[in-house]
Amino acid sequence: MDREQEEMQFLGLFEIYKESYKIIISWRKIFSQITLTLILPLTFIFLIHIEISNILFRRIMINTQEIFETQQGTQQYQKLSDIITSEWTTFLLFKLVYYTFLLIFSFLSTSAVVYTIASIYTSREVNFKSVMSVVPKVWKKLMVTFLCIFLAFFLYNIMAILVVIIWALFISYKTGGIATIVIIGILYFVGILYLTIVWQLASVVTVLEDSYGVKAMMKSNELIKGKMGISMLIFLKLNVSFFGIQFLFTNFVVKGWRLSLVDKTAYGILCFLLLSHLFLFGLVIQTVLYFVCKSYHHQSIDKSTLSDHLEVYHGEYEPLKDKDVQMENYHV
């Protein structure tokens, strides 16, 4: 990162993209190692989950349809009932294993990328071995932050369901009822996007600062003030790209029954490469956005102090204290 801290606040959308791209290209060796070790497995886990989930769920639906057409109390009905129970158990266990590995590799990938960019920012010598020795010790804090944001998403969705129920009971039949539900839907989407931004920046805060969980979320919320528009635009574009790749994989690989094996393989490889690049690019962007937000709020990050706290001391990762990363305000 060639820019000074106070210059970061002036970066626009394309400048943030350009800065992120420059970081990846300039340090392509270590980012390639991180990608091969952490991000490619993360991508594979996500895509193979879509394929396997579709197979398991399709079998459940076929057997469920068949049991509806079978007379109750017969031996065939009992056999189908046992099969469906077994298939649902397998499906749920698979989902549990999937989310476990997905979270582990997500936390490790986030730790690795954020730590690497912070090291680059402080001009520290950074190599793959030092990164990998630190990141496993940060994931527990990321887990706490994730659980807090998960609870926030859960409560938010409960509130949204209650609002929809109220709409259905008291407003839906009145004039303007449809317009009201459309507005509610738009507001719900904006709220989900906002929580996503808070989550992503809170993950960076968790890695770099001595804050995690609710405290990291509160700091993230403060950071995005004044940069809400550009933050929403960035994460909206990232999410649209993510769902676009997922749609492509689902329709041309998972459900592409009319395509040849060669075509499905080609589409699968394309989706795999696109998604792995998107994961890496997204993690770099959210870290760059953290520095942009810090600069916007005139919170100067002292490079020497940050470098000291990125050191691995007797094999232990030392998080940054509030006084080190929250910093002294500078004036421009």
Protein backbone atom coordinates (compact mmCIF):
# COMPACT_ATOMS: atom_id res chain seq x y z
CA MET A 1 0.00 0.00 0.00
CA ASP A 2 1.76 3.04 -1.29
CA ARG A 3 -0.73 5.63 -0.06
CA GLU A 4 -0.38 7.48 3.20
CA GLN A 5 -3.10 7.01 5.83
CA GLU A 6 -4.56 10.49 5.40
CA GLU A 7 -4.88 9.97 1.63
CA MET A 8 -7.00 6.85 2.00
CA GLN A 9 -10.16 8.79 2.88
CA PHE A 10 -10.32 10.26 -0.62
CA LEU A 11 -10.48 6.90 -2.39
CA GLY A 12 -13.64 6.39 -4.38
CA LEU A 13 -15.21 3.17 -5.58
CA PHE A 14 -12.88 2.51 -8.48
CA GLU A 15 -9.84 3.72 -6.55
CA ILE A 16 -10.62 1.14 -3.82
CA TYR A 17 -10.92 -1.55 -6.49
CA LYS A 18 -7.66 -0.38 -8.06
CA GLU A 19 -5.84 -0.29 -4.71
CA SER A 20 -7.08 -3.79 -3.87
CA TYR A 21 -6.02 -5.10 -7.26
CA LYS A 22 -2.59 -3.49 -6.91
CA ILE A 23 -2.07 -5.14 -3.53
CA ILE A 24 -2.92 -8.58 -4.91
CA ILE A 25 -0.67 -8.16 -7.98
CA SER A 26 2.25 -6.65 -6.05
CA TRP A 27 2.17 -9.46 -3.48
CA ARG A 28 0.86 -12.20 -5.75
CA LYS A 29 3.17 -14.86 -4.35
CA ILE A 30 1.83 -14.81 -0.82
CA PHE A 31 -1.75 -14.25 -1.96
CA SER A 32 -1.37 -17.20 -4.32
CA GLN A 33 -0.21 -19.32 -1.39
CA ILE A 34 -3.14 -18.17 0.74
CA THR A 35 -5.50 -18.89 -2.13
CA LEU A 36 -4.13 -22.39 -2.71
CA THR A 37 -4.14 -23.26 0.99
CA LEU A 38 -7.34 -21.65 2.25
CA ILE A 39 -9.48 -19.98 -0.40
CA LEU A 40 -9.53 -22.80 -2.95
CA PRO A 41 -10.69 -25.32 -0.31
CA LEU A 42 -13.31 -22.78 0.80
CA THR A 43 -14.50 -22.43 -2.80
CA PHE A 44 -14.56 -26.19 -3.34
CA ILE A 45 -16.52 -26.75 -0.11
CA PHE A 46 -19.12 -24.16 -1.13
CA LEU A 47 -19.63 -25.46 -4.67
CA ILE A 48 -19.60 -29.18 -3.85
CA HIS A 49 -22.15 -28.45 -1.13
CA ILE A 50 -24.57 -27.14 -3.78
CA GLU A 51 -24.15 -30.31 -5.85
CA ILE A 52 -24.50 -32.77 -2.97
CA SER A 53 -27.38 -30.87 -1.36
CA ASN A 54 -29.27 -30.97 -4.65
CA ILE A 55 -28.76 -34.73 -4.98
CA LEU A 56 -29.82 -35.48 -1.40
CA PHE A 57 -32.82 -33.16 -1.49
CA ARG A 58 -33.99 -34.48 -4.85
CA ARG A 59 -34.01 -38.03 -3.45
CA ILE A 60 -36.03 -36.84 -0.45
CA MET A 61 -38.58 -35.17 -2.73
CA ILE A 62 -38.91 -38.26 -4.96
CA ASN A 63 -39.49 -40.56 -1.97
CA THR A 64 -41.86 -38.04 -0.37
CA GLN A 65 -43.94 -37.93 -3.54
CA GLU A 66 -43.96 -41.72 -3.67
CA ILE A 67 -45.08 -42.07 -0.05
CA PHE A 68 -48.03 -39.75 -0.73
CA GLU A 69 -49.14 -42.23 -3.39
CA THR A 70 -48.69 -45.26 -1.11
CA GLN A 71 -51.39 -46.56 1.20
CA GLN A 72 -50.69 -45.99 4.88
CA GLY A 73 -50.12 -49.03 7.08
CA THR A 74 -48.54 -51.12 4.32
CA GLN A 75 -45.05 -52.54 4.41
CA GLN A 76 -44.05 -50.34 1.46
CA TYR A 77 -45.27 -47.23 3.29
CA GLN A 78 -43.20 -48.09 6.39
CA LYS A 79 -40.15 -48.80 4.26
CA LEU A 80 -40.46 -45.44 2.49
CA SER A 81 -40.99 -43.69 5.84
CA ASP A 82 -37.76 -45.20 7.20
CA ILE A 83 -35.88 -44.24 4.03
CA ILE A 84 -37.11 -40.63 4.19
CA THR A 85 -36.17 -40.36 7.88
CA SER A 86 -32.70 -41.70 7.10
CA GLU A 87 -32.31 -39.32 4.15
CA TRP A 88 -33.33 -36.29 6.21
CA THR A 89 -30.84 -37.32 8.91
CA THR A 90 -28.10 -37.63 6.30
CA PHE A 91 -29.07 -34.27 4.80
CA LEU A 92 -28.98 -32.45 8.15
CA LEU A 93 -25.69 -34.07 9.18
CA PHE A 94 -24.19 -33.10 5.84
CA LYS A 95 -25.33 -29.51 6.36
CA LEU A 96 -23.77 -29.50 9.85
CA VAL A 97 -20.43 -30.75 8.53
CA TYR A 98 -20.60 -28.30 5.62
CA TYR A 99 -21.21 -25.23 7.78
CA THR A 100 -18.49 -26.31 10.21
CA PHE A 101 -15.82 -26.52 7.51
CA LEU A 102 -17.17 -23.44 5.72
CA LEU A 103 -16.84 -21.33 8.86
CA ILE A 104 -13.39 -22.68 9.70
CA PHE A 105 -11.96 -21.89 6.26
CA SER A 106 -13.80 -18.56 6.15
CA PHE A 107 -12.27 -17.49 9.47
CA LEU A 108 -8.79 -18.68 8.49
CA SER A 109 -9.00 -16.97 5.08
CA THR A 110 -10.14 -13.71 6.67
CA SER A 111 -7.38 -13.85 9.27
CA ALA A 112 -4.72 -14.58 6.66
CA VAL A 113 -5.71 -11.83 4.23
CA VAL A 114 -6.27 -9.13 6.87
CA TYR A 115 -3.02 -9.97 8.68
CA THR A 116 -1.10 -9.97 5.39
CA ILE A 117 -2.44 -6.57 4.28
CA ALA A 118 -1.73 -5.08 7.71
CA SER A 119 1.83 -6.38 7.46
CA ILE A 120 2.16 -4.88 3.98
CA TYR A 121 0.81 -1.57 5.27
CA THR A 122 3.48 -1.45 8.00
CA SER A 123 6.22 -2.48 5.54
CA ARG A 124 6.95 -5.56 7.62
CA GLU A 125 8.56 -8.56 6.03
CA VAL A 126 5.74 -11.03 5.57
CA ASN A 127 5.89 -14.61 4.41
CA PHE A 128 3.46 -17.48 4.20
CA LYS A 129 4.92 -19.31 7.21
CA SER A 130 4.51 -16.33 9.53
CA VAL A 131 0.95 -15.76 8.32
CA MET A 132 -0.04 -19.38 8.86
CA SER A 133 1.48 -19.38 12.34
CA VAL A 134 -0.73 -16.47 13.39
CA VAL A 135 -4.11 -17.01 11.74
CA PRO A 136 -5.16 -20.16 13.65
CA LYS A 137 -4.88 -18.15 16.88
CA VAL A 138 -7.29 -15.46 15.68
CA TRP A 139 -10.21 -17.59 14.52
CA LYS A 140 -11.72 -17.98 18.01
CA LYS A 141 -12.26 -14.21 18.21
CA LEU A 142 -13.76 -14.27 14.75
CA MET A 143 -16.11 -17.02 15.90
CA VAL A 144 -17.37 -14.84 18.77
CA THR A 145 -17.94 -11.94 16.36
CA PHE A 146 -19.74 -14.25 13.94
CA LEU A 147 -22.04 -15.59 16.68
CA CYS A 148 -22.95 -12.03 17.67
CA ILE A 149 -23.72 -10.99 14.11
CA PHE A 150 -25.62 -14.26 13.60
CA LEU A 151 -27.78 -13.34 16.58
CA ALA A 152 -28.30 -9.88 15.09
CA PHE A 153 -29.41 -11.43 11.77
CA PHE A 154 -31.71 -13.81 13.64
CA LEU A 155 -33.40 -11.05 15.63
CA TYR A 156 -33.66 -8.89 12.51
CA ASN A 157 -35.44 -11.66 10.61
CA ILE A 158 -37.78 -12.31 13.53
CA MET A 159 -38.73 -8.63 13.50
CA ALA A 160 -39.22 -8.78 9.72
CA ILE A 161 -41.54 -11.78 10.07
CA LEU A 162 -43.57 -9.95 12.71
CA VAL A 163 -43.88 -6.92 10.42
CA VAL A 164 -45.10 -9.14 7.56
CA ILE A 165 -47.64 -10.81 9.87
CA ILE A 166 -48.93 -7.38 10.96
CA TRP A 167 -49.14 -6.35 7.31
CA ALA A 168 -51.08 -9.51 6.42
CA LEU A 169 -53.53 -9.05 9.29
CA PHE A 170 -54.21 -5.31 9.14
CA ILE A 171 -52.91 -3.73 5.93
CA SER A 172 -52.93 -6.23 3.04
CA TYR A 173 -56.61 -5.75 2.18
CA LYS A 174 -56.48 -1.96 2.32
CA THR A 175 -55.66 0.45 -0.48
CA GLY A 176 -51.91 0.67 -0.90
CA GLY A 177 -51.31 -2.67 0.81
CA ILE A 178 -49.17 -3.99 -2.06
CA ALA A 179 -47.13 -0.80 -2.17
CA THR A 180 -46.54 -1.13 1.57
CA ILE A 181 -45.17 -4.67 1.28
CA VAL A 182 -42.89 -3.56 -1.57
CA ILE A 183 -41.50 -0.77 0.62
CA ILE A 184 -41.09 -3.24 3.49
CA GLY A 185 -39.21 -5.59 1.16
CA ILE A 186 -36.85 -2.83 0.02
CA LEU A 187 -36.19 -1.74 3.60
CA TYR A 188 -35.58 -5.38 4.59
CA PHE A 189 -33.03 -5.79 1.80
CA VAL A 190 -31.25 -2.56 2.79
CA GLY A 191 -31.12 -3.76 6.40
CA ILE A 192 -29.60 -7.10 5.37
CA LEU A 193 -27.00 -5.29 3.29
CA TYR A 194 -26.21 -2.98 6.21
CA LEU A 195 -25.74 -5.91 8.61
CA THR A 196 -23.49 -7.59 6.04
CA ILE A 197 -21.27 -4.51 5.87
CA VAL A 198 -21.10 -4.33 9.67
CA TRP A 199 -20.16 -8.02 9.77
CA GLN A 200 -17.40 -7.73 7.17
CA LEU A 201 -15.75 -4.68 8.76
CA ALA A 202 -16.22 -6.17 12.23
CA SER A 203 -14.18 -9.16 11.04
CA VAL A 204 -11.30 -6.84 10.12
CA VAL A 205 -11.62 -5.03 13.46
CA THR A 206 -11.56 -8.40 15.24
CA VAL A 207 -8.27 -9.38 13.59
CA LEU A 208 -6.47 -6.05 13.96
CA GLU A 209 -7.85 -4.62 17.19
CA ASP A 210 -8.39 -5.75 20.74
CA SER A 211 -12.12 -5.96 20.12
CA TYR A 212 -14.43 -8.75 19.13
CA GLY A 213 -18.06 -9.71 19.38
CA VAL A 214 -20.51 -6.88 20.10
CA LYS A 215 -17.68 -4.40 20.67
CA ALA A 216 -16.25 -5.09 17.20
CA MET A 217 -19.72 -4.66 15.70
CA MET A 218 -20.13 -1.30 17.44
CA LYS A 219 -16.76 -0.11 16.16
CA SER A 220 -17.63 -1.32 12.67
CA ASN A 221 -20.91 0.59 12.85
CA GLU A 222 -19.04 3.76 13.79
CA LEU A 223 -16.48 3.27 11.02
CA ILE A 224 -18.97 3.07 8.16
CA LYS A 225 -20.64 6.35 9.12
CA GLY A 226 -19.87 8.82 6.36
CA LYS A 227 -18.86 5.99 4.03
CA MET A 228 -22.22 4.23 4.02
CA GLY A 229 -22.99 4.88 0.35
CA ILE A 230 -19.72 3.58 -1.04
CA SER A 231 -19.72 0.66 1.43
CA MET A 232 -23.20 -0.42 0.35
CA LEU A 233 -22.30 -0.10 -3.32
CA ILE A 234 -19.15 -2.20 -2.87
CA PHE A 235 -20.85 -5.01 -0.97
CA LEU A 236 -23.91 -4.89 -3.23
CA LYS A 237 -21.68 -5.45 -6.26
CA LEU A 238 -19.81 -8.24 -4.47
CA ASN A 239 -23.04 -9.95 -3.44
CA VAL A 240 -24.55 -9.63 -6.92
CA SER A 241 -21.38 -11.20 -8.36
CA PHE A 242 -21.51 -13.97 -5.75
CA PHE A 243 -25.14 -14.86 -6.46
CA GLY A 244 -24.48 -14.58 -10.19
CA ILE A 245 -21.74 -17.21 -9.97
CA GLN A 246 -23.94 -19.37 -7.74
CA PHE A 247 -26.79 -19.08 -10.27
CA LEU A 248 -24.44 -20.04 -13.11
CA PHE A 249 -23.15 -23.08 -11.23
CA THR A 250 -26.62 -24.23 -10.15
CA ASN A 251 -28.20 -23.95 -13.59
CA PHE A 252 -25.34 -25.08 -15.82
CA VAL A 253 -23.57 -27.63 -13.61
CA VAL A 254 -25.98 -28.92 -10.95
CA LYS A 255 -29.13 -28.77 -13.11
CA GLY A 256 -27.50 -28.78 -16.53
CA TRP A 257 -28.89 -32.18 -17.49
CA ARG A 258 -29.00 -31.31 -21.20
CA LEU A 259 -25.34 -30.34 -21.28
CA SER A 260 -22.57 -32.77 -22.04
CA LEU A 261 -20.09 -33.81 -19.36
CA VAL A 262 -17.40 -31.72 -21.06
CA ASP A 263 -19.60 -28.60 -21.02
CA LYS A 264 -20.61 -29.11 -17.38
CA THR A 265 -16.95 -29.60 -16.42
CA ALA A 266 -15.98 -26.42 -18.25
CA TYR A 267 -18.72 -24.43 -16.51
CA GLY A 268 -17.72 -25.97 -13.17
CA ILE A 269 -14.08 -24.95 -13.60
CA LEU A 270 -15.13 -21.45 -14.70
CA CYS A 271 -17.36 -21.00 -11.63
CA PHE A 272 -14.62 -22.39 -9.38
CA LEU A 273 -12.03 -19.91 -10.68
CA LEU A 274 -14.43 -16.95 -10.64
CA LEU A 275 -15.61 -17.66 -7.09
CA SER A 276 -12.11 -18.19 -5.69
CA HIS A 277 -11.00 -14.86 -7.20
CA LEU A 278 -14.12 -13.18 -5.83
CA PHE A 279 -13.48 -14.52 -2.32
CA LEU A 280 -9.90 -13.21 -2.36
CA PHE A 281 -10.84 -9.87 -3.92
CA GLY A 282 -13.69 -9.40 -1.44
CA LEU A 283 -11.44 -10.00 1.57
CA VAL A 284 -8.84 -7.56 0.27
CA ILE A 285 -11.50 -4.94 -0.47
CA GLN A 286 -13.04 -5.13 3.00
CA THR A 287 -9.59 -4.65 4.56
CA VAL A 288 -8.81 -1.68 2.31
CA LEU A 289 -12.24 -0.25 3.17
CA TYR A 290 -11.32 -0.51 6.86
CA PHE A 291 -8.28 1.73 6.28
CA VAL A 292 -10.39 4.11 4.17
CA CYS A 293 -12.95 4.44 6.96
CA LYS A 294 -10.22 4.93 9.56
CA SER A 295 -8.74 7.69 7.43
CA TYR A 296 -12.14 9.31 6.89
CA HIS A 297 -12.63 9.57 10.65
CA HIS A 298 -9.10 11.01 11.01
CA GLN A 299 -7.91 8.04 13.06
CA SER A 300 -4.26 7.69 12.16
CA ILE A 301 -2.78 4.21 12.47
CA ASP A 302 0.78 4.34 13.69
CA LYS A 303 2.74 1.94 11.51
CA SER A 304 5.44 1.14 14.05
CA THR A 305 2.90 0.35 16.76
CA LEU A 306 0.83 -1.75 14.40
CA SER A 307 3.96 -3.60 13.31
CA ASP A 308 4.90 -4.36 16.92
CA HIS A 309 1.53 -5.90 17.58
CA LEU A 310 1.64 -8.01 14.44
CA GLU A 311 4.70 -9.81 15.75
CA VAL A 312 4.37 -13.36 16.87
CA TYR A 313 5.73 -13.35 20.42
CA HIS A 314 6.69 -16.78 21.75
CA GLY A 315 4.18 -18.26 19.36
CA GLU A 316 1.33 -16.09 20.64
CA TYR A 317 -0.58 -13.55 18.56
CA GLU A 318 -0.73 -10.16 20.27
CA PRO A 319 -3.88 -8.23 19.34
CA LEU A 320 -3.77 -4.49 18.97
CA LYS A 321 -4.94 -2.50 21.95
CA ASP A 322 -7.58 0.18 21.58
CA LYS A 323 -5.06 2.91 22.19
CA ASP A 324 -2.87 1.55 19.38
CA VAL A 325 -5.38 1.05 16.61
CA GLN A 326 -8.12 3.43 17.54
CA MET A 327 -5.43 5.96 17.64
CA GLU A 328 -4.92 9.53 18.04
CA ASN A 329 -6.92 11.79 15.77
CA TYR A 330 -4.94 13.71 13.23
CA HIS A 331 -6.04 16.91 11.55
CA VAL A 332 -5.98 17.71 7.87
